[in-house]
Amino acid sequence: MKKTSFGAWLATFVVCAAFWMLITLSLDPQMLIAGAAVSALVALFAGRFFIHESPFHLLNPKHLFALLGYALLVFPIELLKANLDVAKRALSPALPVNPGIVKVPSKMKGEYGQAMLANSITLTPGTITMDVAEDEQGQAWYYIHWIDVAEGTAEEQGDAIKGTLEKWVGRIFE
C-alpha cells in the first residue's frame, strides 16, 4: 500500500480544514479543534488518493490567479452562454436539436487538468463528458454527448464545445 507523503497529507489537511471552516462558519475553538482533528484523519487516509502531482501547485501565484479568474469570470460566462443556448432550443422548436456523441481532442496532459476540463464541460448545459481516453501517442480524447452535433472536424467541434475553458484550465494546471 502506497504511503501518504507529508506534502500530500498537508495539502489535503489544509483543503479539508478550509472547507470545514467554510461550511461551519464558526471560529469557536471547539469547532476549530474538531475540524482540525477530522481534517487530519481524512488527510491521513485520503491524501494519497487526492494528491498525485505537486501538492502545492496552486500556491504559485500564476496558477492561483488563473484559478480565480476561471472560477469568477471565465466559467460563469461560458455557463451563461450554454444556458441561453439550451433555453433558446427548448423554447423555439424551429432551432435544431441534433444530439450525438463526438470525439474531441484535448491538449490537457495531467490528470487534474483533464478532470477539471471534463467536469467543466459536463457542468455546462447541452454537453456531458462520457469518457476521457488517451491513445498510444498520449493524445487525450473526450467523448462528449452534445445537444447539437455540428458538421465539421473533431477540432472544430472541440472548439465549439470547449470554448475558452481548455485554455484557462491549461493555465491553471499545465
N, C-alpha and C. Protein backbone atom coordinates (compact mmCIF):
# COMPACT_ATOMS: atom_id res chain seq x y z
N MET A 1 0.84 -1.17 0.00
CA MET A 1 0.00 0.00 0.00
C MET A 1 0.89 1.24 0.00
N LYS A 2 0.55 2.18 -0.86
CA LYS A 2 1.33 3.41 -1.01
C LYS A 2 1.08 4.32 0.20
N LYS A 3 2.17 4.84 0.78
CA LYS A 3 2.04 5.73 1.93
C LYS A 3 1.75 7.15 1.46
N THR A 4 1.10 7.91 2.32
CA THR A 4 0.81 9.31 2.04
C THR A 4 2.04 10.13 2.38
N SER A 5 2.54 10.92 1.43
CA SER A 5 3.67 11.79 1.71
C SER A 5 3.21 12.93 2.60
N PHE A 6 4.17 13.56 3.28
CA PHE A 6 3.81 14.67 4.16
C PHE A 6 3.19 15.82 3.37
N GLY A 7 3.73 16.11 2.18
CA GLY A 7 3.17 17.18 1.35
C GLY A 7 1.74 16.90 0.94
N ALA A 8 1.46 15.65 0.56
CA ALA A 8 0.09 15.29 0.18
C ALA A 8 -0.82 15.36 1.39
N TRP A 9 -0.34 14.90 2.55
CA TRP A 9 -1.13 14.98 3.77
C TRP A 9 -1.44 16.43 4.13
N LEU A 10 -0.41 17.28 4.09
CA LEU A 10 -0.59 18.68 4.48
C LEU A 10 -1.54 19.41 3.52
N ALA A 11 -1.39 19.19 2.22
CA ALA A 11 -2.26 19.85 1.25
C ALA A 11 -3.71 19.40 1.44
N THR A 12 -3.93 18.11 1.66
CA THR A 12 -5.28 17.60 1.87
C THR A 12 -5.85 18.13 3.19
N PHE A 13 -5.01 18.19 4.23
CA PHE A 13 -5.45 18.74 5.51
C PHE A 13 -5.88 20.19 5.37
N VAL A 14 -5.10 21.00 4.68
CA VAL A 14 -5.43 22.42 4.52
C VAL A 14 -6.75 22.59 3.78
N VAL A 15 -6.95 21.83 2.71
CA VAL A 15 -8.20 21.93 1.95
C VAL A 15 -9.38 21.48 2.80
N CYS A 16 -9.24 20.37 3.51
CA CYS A 16 -10.34 19.87 4.35
C CYS A 16 -10.65 20.85 5.48
N ALA A 17 -9.61 21.40 6.13
CA ALA A 17 -9.83 22.34 7.23
C ALA A 17 -10.49 23.63 6.72
N ALA A 18 -10.06 24.11 5.57
CA ALA A 18 -10.68 25.31 5.00
C ALA A 18 -12.15 25.04 4.65
N PHE A 19 -12.42 23.87 4.09
CA PHE A 19 -13.79 23.52 3.76
C PHE A 19 -14.63 23.41 5.03
N TRP A 20 -14.07 22.84 6.09
CA TRP A 20 -14.76 22.73 7.38
C TRP A 20 -15.14 24.12 7.89
N MET A 21 -14.18 25.03 7.85
CA MET A 21 -14.46 26.39 8.33
C MET A 21 -15.50 27.08 7.45
N LEU A 22 -15.47 26.81 6.17
CA LEU A 22 -16.44 27.41 5.26
C LEU A 22 -17.86 26.91 5.52
N ILE A 23 -18.02 25.62 5.76
CA ILE A 23 -19.37 25.10 5.95
C ILE A 23 -19.89 25.33 7.37
N THR A 24 -19.00 25.43 8.36
CA THR A 24 -19.48 25.67 9.72
C THR A 24 -19.63 27.16 10.02
N LEU A 25 -18.89 28.00 9.32
CA LEU A 25 -18.92 29.45 9.55
C LEU A 25 -18.76 29.79 11.03
N SER A 26 -17.84 29.10 11.69
CA SER A 26 -17.65 29.30 13.13
C SER A 26 -16.16 29.39 13.44
N LEU A 27 -15.82 30.31 14.34
CA LEU A 27 -14.46 30.41 14.84
C LEU A 27 -14.38 29.96 16.29
N ASP A 28 -15.42 29.24 16.73
CA ASP A 28 -15.45 28.69 18.07
C ASP A 28 -14.28 27.71 18.21
N PRO A 29 -13.47 27.83 19.29
CA PRO A 29 -12.31 26.93 19.44
C PRO A 29 -12.66 25.45 19.40
N GLN A 30 -13.80 25.04 19.97
CA GLN A 30 -14.17 23.63 19.94
C GLN A 30 -14.46 23.17 18.51
N MET A 31 -15.11 24.02 17.74
CA MET A 31 -15.40 23.67 16.34
C MET A 31 -14.10 23.60 15.53
N LEU A 32 -13.18 24.51 15.78
CA LEU A 32 -11.90 24.51 15.06
C LEU A 32 -11.08 23.27 15.41
N ILE A 33 -11.07 22.89 16.69
CA ILE A 33 -10.33 21.68 17.10
C ILE A 33 -10.96 20.44 16.49
N ALA A 34 -12.28 20.36 16.54
CA ALA A 34 -12.96 19.21 15.93
C ALA A 34 -12.69 19.15 14.43
N GLY A 35 -12.75 20.30 13.78
CA GLY A 35 -12.47 20.35 12.34
C GLY A 35 -11.05 19.95 12.02
N ALA A 36 -10.10 20.39 12.84
CA ALA A 36 -8.70 20.03 12.62
C ALA A 36 -8.49 18.53 12.81
N ALA A 37 -9.14 17.95 13.82
CA ALA A 37 -9.00 16.52 14.06
C ALA A 37 -9.58 15.71 12.91
N VAL A 38 -10.78 16.07 12.49
CA VAL A 38 -11.41 15.35 11.38
C VAL A 38 -10.60 15.54 10.10
N SER A 39 -10.13 16.76 9.85
CA SER A 39 -9.33 17.04 8.65
C SER A 39 -8.03 16.24 8.66
N ALA A 40 -7.40 16.12 9.83
CA ALA A 40 -6.16 15.35 9.94
C ALA A 40 -6.40 13.88 9.62
N LEU A 41 -7.48 13.32 10.14
CA LEU A 41 -7.79 11.92 9.86
C LEU A 41 -8.12 11.70 8.38
N VAL A 42 -8.94 12.58 7.84
CA VAL A 42 -9.28 12.45 6.42
C VAL A 42 -8.01 12.55 5.57
N ALA A 43 -7.15 13.50 5.89
CA ALA A 43 -5.90 13.69 5.13
C ALA A 43 -4.99 12.47 5.26
N LEU A 44 -4.96 11.86 6.44
CA LEU A 44 -4.12 10.69 6.65
C LEU A 44 -4.53 9.54 5.75
N PHE A 45 -5.84 9.32 5.64
CA PHE A 45 -6.33 8.18 4.86
C PHE A 45 -6.55 8.50 3.37
N ALA A 46 -6.85 9.75 3.04
CA ALA A 46 -7.23 10.08 1.67
C ALA A 46 -6.19 10.89 0.90
N GLY A 47 -5.18 11.40 1.56
CA GLY A 47 -4.20 12.26 0.89
C GLY A 47 -3.55 11.62 -0.32
N ARG A 48 -3.24 10.34 -0.21
CA ARG A 48 -2.57 9.67 -1.34
C ARG A 48 -3.47 9.50 -2.55
N PHE A 49 -4.78 9.56 -2.35
CA PHE A 49 -5.72 9.43 -3.46
C PHE A 49 -5.98 10.77 -4.15
N PHE A 50 -5.88 11.85 -3.41
CA PHE A 50 -6.20 13.17 -3.95
C PHE A 50 -5.01 13.88 -4.56
N ILE A 51 -3.83 13.67 -4.03
CA ILE A 51 -2.65 14.41 -4.47
C ILE A 51 -1.71 13.44 -5.18
N HIS A 52 -1.65 13.57 -6.51
CA HIS A 52 -0.77 12.70 -7.30
C HIS A 52 0.44 13.46 -7.82
N GLU A 53 0.30 14.75 -7.96
CA GLU A 53 1.37 15.56 -8.51
C GLU A 53 1.87 16.50 -7.42
N SER A 54 2.31 17.67 -7.76
CA SER A 54 2.84 18.62 -6.79
C SER A 54 1.75 19.06 -5.81
N PRO A 55 1.94 18.84 -4.50
CA PRO A 55 0.89 19.15 -3.54
C PRO A 55 0.54 20.64 -3.44
N PHE A 56 1.49 21.50 -3.69
CA PHE A 56 1.24 22.94 -3.52
C PHE A 56 1.29 23.69 -4.84
N HIS A 57 0.88 23.01 -5.88
CA HIS A 57 0.88 23.58 -7.22
C HIS A 57 0.09 24.89 -7.28
N LEU A 58 -1.04 24.94 -6.64
CA LEU A 58 -1.91 26.13 -6.72
C LEU A 58 -1.42 27.28 -5.86
N LEU A 59 -0.38 27.08 -5.06
CA LEU A 59 0.16 28.20 -4.28
C LEU A 59 1.03 29.12 -5.14
N ASN A 60 1.40 28.66 -6.32
CA ASN A 60 2.11 29.52 -7.27
C ASN A 60 1.14 30.63 -7.68
N PRO A 61 1.50 31.90 -7.50
CA PRO A 61 0.56 32.99 -7.81
C PRO A 61 0.00 32.94 -9.23
N LYS A 62 0.82 32.51 -10.19
CA LYS A 62 0.35 32.42 -11.58
C LYS A 62 -0.83 31.46 -11.69
N HIS A 63 -0.71 30.30 -11.07
CA HIS A 63 -1.77 29.30 -11.12
C HIS A 63 -2.97 29.71 -10.27
N LEU A 64 -2.70 30.31 -9.11
CA LEU A 64 -3.78 30.73 -8.22
C LEU A 64 -4.64 31.81 -8.86
N PHE A 65 -4.01 32.81 -9.48
CA PHE A 65 -4.77 33.87 -10.13
C PHE A 65 -5.53 33.34 -11.36
N ALA A 66 -4.93 32.38 -12.06
CA ALA A 66 -5.64 31.77 -13.19
C ALA A 66 -6.87 31.02 -12.69
N LEU A 67 -6.76 30.31 -11.55
CA LEU A 67 -7.90 29.61 -10.98
C LEU A 67 -8.99 30.59 -10.56
N LEU A 68 -8.60 31.69 -9.93
CA LEU A 68 -9.58 32.70 -9.52
C LEU A 68 -10.27 33.33 -10.73
N GLY A 69 -9.50 33.64 -11.77
CA GLY A 69 -10.08 34.20 -12.99
C GLY A 69 -11.04 33.22 -13.65
N TYR A 70 -10.66 31.96 -13.63
CA TYR A 70 -11.51 30.93 -14.22
C TYR A 70 -12.82 30.80 -13.44
N ALA A 71 -12.70 30.70 -12.11
CA ALA A 71 -13.87 30.47 -11.26
C ALA A 71 -14.80 31.67 -11.19
N LEU A 72 -14.25 32.88 -11.27
CA LEU A 72 -15.06 34.08 -11.08
C LEU A 72 -15.52 34.73 -12.38
N LEU A 73 -14.82 34.46 -13.47
CA LEU A 73 -15.15 35.15 -14.72
C LEU A 73 -15.39 34.21 -15.90
N VAL A 74 -14.41 33.41 -16.22
CA VAL A 74 -14.46 32.60 -17.45
C VAL A 74 -15.57 31.55 -17.39
N PHE A 75 -15.57 30.70 -16.35
CA PHE A 75 -16.57 29.64 -16.29
C PHE A 75 -17.99 30.19 -16.17
N PRO A 76 -18.24 31.21 -15.33
CA PRO A 76 -19.62 31.74 -15.30
C PRO A 76 -20.10 32.28 -16.65
N ILE A 77 -19.21 32.89 -17.42
CA ILE A 77 -19.61 33.40 -18.74
C ILE A 77 -19.94 32.24 -19.67
N GLU A 78 -19.10 31.21 -19.70
CA GLU A 78 -19.36 30.04 -20.54
C GLU A 78 -20.64 29.33 -20.09
N LEU A 79 -20.87 29.28 -18.79
CA LEU A 79 -22.08 28.66 -18.26
C LEU A 79 -23.33 29.44 -18.69
N LEU A 80 -23.25 30.76 -18.63
CA LEU A 80 -24.37 31.60 -19.05
C LEU A 80 -24.66 31.41 -20.55
N LYS A 81 -23.61 31.40 -21.37
CA LYS A 81 -23.80 31.22 -22.81
C LYS A 81 -24.46 29.87 -23.11
N ALA A 82 -24.02 28.81 -22.43
CA ALA A 82 -24.60 27.49 -22.66
C ALA A 82 -26.05 27.44 -22.17
N ASN A 83 -26.34 28.07 -21.05
CA ASN A 83 -27.72 28.10 -20.55
C ASN A 83 -28.64 28.82 -21.53
N LEU A 84 -28.19 29.94 -22.06
CA LEU A 84 -29.00 30.69 -23.02
C LEU A 84 -29.24 29.88 -24.29
N ASP A 85 -28.20 29.17 -24.75
CA ASP A 85 -28.34 28.34 -25.96
C ASP A 85 -29.37 27.23 -25.74
N VAL A 86 -29.28 26.53 -24.62
CA VAL A 86 -30.23 25.45 -24.35
C VAL A 86 -31.64 26.00 -24.14
N ALA A 87 -31.75 27.15 -23.49
CA ALA A 87 -33.07 27.76 -23.28
C ALA A 87 -33.70 28.14 -24.62
N LYS A 88 -32.90 28.70 -25.53
CA LYS A 88 -33.43 29.04 -26.87
C LYS A 88 -33.91 27.80 -27.58
N ARG A 89 -33.16 26.71 -27.50
CA ARG A 89 -33.55 25.47 -28.17
C ARG A 89 -34.82 24.89 -27.56
N ALA A 90 -34.96 25.01 -26.25
CA ALA A 90 -36.15 24.47 -25.58
C ALA A 90 -37.39 25.30 -25.89
N LEU A 91 -37.23 26.61 -26.02
CA LEU A 91 -38.37 27.48 -26.22
C LEU A 91 -38.74 27.69 -27.69
N SER A 92 -37.81 27.36 -28.58
CA SER A 92 -38.08 27.54 -30.01
C SER A 92 -37.93 26.21 -30.74
N PRO A 93 -39.02 25.57 -31.09
CA PRO A 93 -38.92 24.28 -31.77
C PRO A 93 -38.25 24.35 -33.15
N ALA A 94 -38.13 25.55 -33.70
CA ALA A 94 -37.51 25.68 -35.02
C ALA A 94 -36.00 25.52 -34.96
N LEU A 95 -35.39 25.77 -33.81
CA LEU A 95 -33.94 25.63 -33.70
C LEU A 95 -33.55 24.15 -33.71
N PRO A 96 -32.44 23.83 -34.35
CA PRO A 96 -32.07 22.42 -34.50
C PRO A 96 -31.62 21.79 -33.18
N VAL A 97 -32.04 20.57 -32.99
CA VAL A 97 -31.54 19.73 -31.91
C VAL A 97 -31.13 18.43 -32.58
N ASN A 98 -29.84 18.23 -32.64
CA ASN A 98 -29.29 17.07 -33.32
C ASN A 98 -28.31 16.38 -32.36
N PRO A 99 -28.82 15.67 -31.35
CA PRO A 99 -27.94 15.11 -30.34
C PRO A 99 -27.07 13.99 -30.89
N GLY A 100 -25.90 13.86 -30.29
CA GLY A 100 -25.00 12.81 -30.69
C GLY A 100 -23.74 12.83 -29.85
N ILE A 101 -22.88 11.86 -30.10
CA ILE A 101 -21.63 11.75 -29.37
C ILE A 101 -20.50 12.14 -30.31
N VAL A 102 -19.64 13.04 -29.82
CA VAL A 102 -18.49 13.47 -30.62
C VAL A 102 -17.20 13.12 -29.88
N LYS A 103 -16.16 12.87 -30.65
CA LYS A 103 -14.83 12.59 -30.12
C LYS A 103 -13.99 13.83 -30.34
N VAL A 104 -13.60 14.48 -29.22
CA VAL A 104 -12.94 15.78 -29.28
C VAL A 104 -11.52 15.67 -28.74
N PRO A 105 -10.53 16.20 -29.47
CA PRO A 105 -9.15 16.16 -28.95
C PRO A 105 -8.94 17.22 -27.88
N SER A 106 -7.97 16.96 -27.01
CA SER A 106 -7.64 17.92 -25.95
C SER A 106 -6.13 18.01 -25.80
N LYS A 107 -5.68 19.18 -25.38
CA LYS A 107 -4.25 19.41 -25.15
C LYS A 107 -3.85 19.12 -23.71
N MET A 108 -4.81 18.82 -22.84
CA MET A 108 -4.54 18.59 -21.42
C MET A 108 -3.68 17.34 -21.26
N LYS A 109 -2.64 17.44 -20.45
CA LYS A 109 -1.75 16.30 -20.22
C LYS A 109 -1.93 15.69 -18.84
N GLY A 110 -2.08 16.50 -17.80
CA GLY A 110 -2.17 15.99 -16.44
C GLY A 110 -3.57 15.55 -16.07
N GLU A 111 -3.64 14.67 -15.06
CA GLU A 111 -4.93 14.14 -14.61
C GLU A 111 -5.85 15.24 -14.09
N TYR A 112 -5.29 16.18 -13.32
CA TYR A 112 -6.13 17.22 -12.74
C TYR A 112 -6.72 18.13 -13.81
N GLY A 113 -5.90 18.52 -14.78
CA GLY A 113 -6.40 19.36 -15.87
C GLY A 113 -7.46 18.65 -16.69
N GLN A 114 -7.22 17.37 -16.98
CA GLN A 114 -8.21 16.60 -17.75
C GLN A 114 -9.52 16.47 -16.98
N ALA A 115 -9.43 16.22 -15.68
CA ALA A 115 -10.64 16.08 -14.88
C ALA A 115 -11.39 17.40 -14.76
N MET A 116 -10.65 18.50 -14.57
CA MET A 116 -11.32 19.79 -14.44
C MET A 116 -12.00 20.19 -15.74
N LEU A 117 -11.35 19.96 -16.87
CA LEU A 117 -11.95 20.28 -18.16
C LEU A 117 -13.18 19.40 -18.40
N ALA A 118 -13.08 18.11 -18.12
CA ALA A 118 -14.22 17.21 -18.31
C ALA A 118 -15.40 17.63 -17.44
N ASN A 119 -15.14 17.98 -16.19
CA ASN A 119 -16.22 18.41 -15.30
C ASN A 119 -16.80 19.75 -15.73
N SER A 120 -15.96 20.64 -16.20
CA SER A 120 -16.46 21.94 -16.66
C SER A 120 -17.36 21.78 -17.88
N ILE A 121 -16.97 20.90 -18.79
CA ILE A 121 -17.80 20.65 -19.98
C ILE A 121 -19.13 20.03 -19.54
N THR A 122 -19.09 19.10 -18.61
CA THR A 122 -20.32 18.44 -18.15
C THR A 122 -21.23 19.42 -17.43
N LEU A 123 -20.67 20.37 -16.70
CA LEU A 123 -21.48 21.33 -15.95
C LEU A 123 -22.18 22.34 -16.85
N THR A 124 -21.70 22.53 -18.07
CA THR A 124 -22.38 23.44 -18.98
C THR A 124 -23.53 22.69 -19.65
N PRO A 125 -24.73 23.27 -19.64
CA PRO A 125 -25.89 22.59 -20.22
C PRO A 125 -25.69 22.27 -21.70
N GLY A 126 -26.21 21.13 -22.11
CA GLY A 126 -26.13 20.72 -23.51
C GLY A 126 -24.99 19.77 -23.80
N THR A 127 -24.13 19.52 -22.80
CA THR A 127 -23.00 18.62 -23.00
C THR A 127 -22.82 17.73 -21.78
N ILE A 128 -22.36 16.51 -22.03
CA ILE A 128 -21.99 15.59 -20.96
C ILE A 128 -20.72 14.87 -21.39
N THR A 129 -19.67 14.97 -20.61
CA THR A 129 -18.45 14.23 -20.90
C THR A 129 -18.65 12.80 -20.44
N MET A 130 -18.57 11.87 -21.38
CA MET A 130 -18.82 10.47 -21.09
C MET A 130 -17.55 9.71 -20.76
N ASP A 131 -16.44 10.10 -21.39
CA ASP A 131 -15.19 9.37 -21.17
C ASP A 131 -14.02 10.26 -21.59
N VAL A 132 -12.89 10.03 -20.96
CA VAL A 132 -11.63 10.65 -21.36
C VAL A 132 -10.66 9.50 -21.59
N ALA A 133 -10.10 9.45 -22.77
CA ALA A 133 -9.19 8.36 -23.12
C ALA A 133 -7.95 8.93 -23.78
N GLU A 134 -6.83 8.21 -23.63
CA GLU A 134 -5.59 8.60 -24.30
C GLU A 134 -5.22 7.52 -25.29
N ASP A 135 -4.72 7.94 -26.46
CA ASP A 135 -4.27 6.96 -27.44
C ASP A 135 -2.80 6.63 -27.18
N GLU A 136 -2.21 5.83 -28.06
CA GLU A 136 -0.83 5.37 -27.87
C GLU A 136 0.17 6.52 -27.89
N GLN A 137 -0.14 7.61 -28.60
CA GLN A 137 0.76 8.75 -28.70
C GLN A 137 0.60 9.72 -27.52
N GLY A 138 -0.32 9.43 -26.61
CA GLY A 138 -0.53 10.30 -25.45
C GLY A 138 -1.55 11.40 -25.69
N GLN A 139 -2.22 11.39 -26.84
CA GLN A 139 -3.24 12.39 -27.14
C GLN A 139 -4.51 12.07 -26.35
N ALA A 140 -5.00 13.07 -25.61
CA ALA A 140 -6.23 12.89 -24.85
C ALA A 140 -7.44 13.15 -25.74
N TRP A 141 -8.46 12.32 -25.61
CA TRP A 141 -9.71 12.45 -26.36
C TRP A 141 -10.86 12.43 -25.39
N TYR A 142 -11.79 13.34 -25.59
CA TYR A 142 -13.01 13.39 -24.78
C TYR A 142 -14.17 12.90 -25.64
N TYR A 143 -14.96 12.00 -25.08
CA TYR A 143 -16.18 11.55 -25.74
C TYR A 143 -17.32 12.32 -25.07
N ILE A 144 -17.97 13.17 -25.84
CA ILE A 144 -18.95 14.10 -25.28
C ILE A 144 -20.30 13.93 -25.98
N HIS A 145 -21.34 13.80 -25.18
CA HIS A 145 -22.70 13.82 -25.73
C HIS A 145 -23.08 15.29 -25.82
N TRP A 146 -23.45 15.72 -27.03
CA TRP A 146 -23.68 17.13 -27.33
C TRP A 146 -25.10 17.31 -27.86
N ILE A 147 -25.75 18.36 -27.46
CA ILE A 147 -27.15 18.60 -27.83
C ILE A 147 -27.32 18.87 -29.32
N ASP A 148 -26.31 19.44 -29.96
CA ASP A 148 -26.43 19.77 -31.37
C ASP A 148 -25.10 19.50 -32.06
N VAL A 149 -24.94 18.29 -32.56
CA VAL A 149 -23.70 17.91 -33.24
C VAL A 149 -23.62 18.68 -34.55
N ALA A 150 -22.67 19.59 -34.61
CA ALA A 150 -22.48 20.41 -35.81
C ALA A 150 -21.60 19.65 -36.80
N GLU A 151 -21.73 20.02 -38.04
CA GLU A 151 -20.85 19.46 -39.06
C GLU A 151 -19.45 20.04 -38.86
N GLY A 152 -18.47 19.28 -39.22
CA GLY A 152 -17.11 19.80 -39.12
C GLY A 152 -16.16 18.75 -38.58
N THR A 153 -14.90 19.14 -38.48
CA THR A 153 -13.87 18.23 -37.99
C THR A 153 -13.96 18.12 -36.47
N ALA A 154 -13.23 17.17 -35.93
CA ALA A 154 -13.20 16.99 -34.47
C ALA A 154 -12.64 18.24 -33.79
N GLU A 155 -11.67 18.89 -34.42
CA GLU A 155 -11.09 20.11 -33.85
C GLU A 155 -12.11 21.25 -33.82
N GLU A 156 -12.89 21.39 -34.91
CA GLU A 156 -13.91 22.44 -34.95
C GLU A 156 -15.02 22.17 -33.93
N GLN A 157 -15.43 20.92 -33.82
CA GLN A 157 -16.44 20.57 -32.82
C GLN A 157 -15.89 20.81 -31.41
N GLY A 158 -14.62 20.46 -31.20
CA GLY A 158 -14.00 20.68 -29.90
C GLY A 158 -13.94 22.15 -29.55
N ASP A 159 -13.61 23.00 -30.53
CA ASP A 159 -13.57 24.44 -30.27
C ASP A 159 -14.96 24.96 -29.91
N ALA A 160 -16.00 24.43 -30.54
CA ALA A 160 -17.36 24.87 -30.25
C ALA A 160 -17.78 24.44 -28.84
N ILE A 161 -17.36 23.26 -28.42
CA ILE A 161 -17.75 22.74 -27.10
C ILE A 161 -16.90 23.35 -25.99
N LYS A 162 -15.59 23.33 -26.19
CA LYS A 162 -14.68 23.75 -25.12
C LYS A 162 -14.61 25.26 -24.95
N GLY A 163 -14.84 26.01 -26.02
CA GLY A 163 -14.74 27.47 -25.94
C GLY A 163 -13.38 27.87 -25.38
N THR A 164 -13.39 28.73 -24.37
CA THR A 164 -12.13 29.17 -23.75
C THR A 164 -11.77 28.33 -22.53
N LEU A 165 -12.58 27.33 -22.20
CA LEU A 165 -12.35 26.54 -21.00
C LEU A 165 -10.98 25.85 -21.01
N GLU A 166 -10.64 25.22 -22.12
CA GLU A 166 -9.39 24.46 -22.17
C GLU A 166 -8.18 25.35 -21.98
N LYS A 167 -8.19 26.52 -22.59
CA LYS A 167 -7.06 27.44 -22.45
C LYS A 167 -6.85 27.84 -20.99
N TRP A 168 -7.95 28.15 -20.30
CA TRP A 168 -7.85 28.59 -18.90
C TRP A 168 -7.50 27.43 -17.97
N VAL A 169 -8.04 26.26 -18.20
CA VAL A 169 -7.68 25.12 -17.37
C VAL A 169 -6.19 24.80 -17.59
N GLY A 170 -5.71 24.97 -18.80
CA GLY A 170 -4.29 24.80 -19.08
C GLY A 170 -3.42 25.77 -18.30
N ARG A 171 -3.89 27.01 -18.15
CA ARG A 171 -3.16 28.00 -17.36
C ARG A 171 -3.08 27.60 -15.90
N ILE A 172 -4.09 26.91 -15.43
CA ILE A 172 -4.12 26.50 -14.02
C ILE A 172 -3.23 25.30 -13.77
N PHE A 173 -3.29 24.30 -14.63
CA PHE A 173 -2.63 23.02 -14.33
C PHE A 173 -1.42 22.67 -15.19
N GLU A 174 -1.17 23.37 -16.24
CA GLU A 174 -0.04 22.99 -17.10
C GLU A 174 1.15 23.89 -16.85
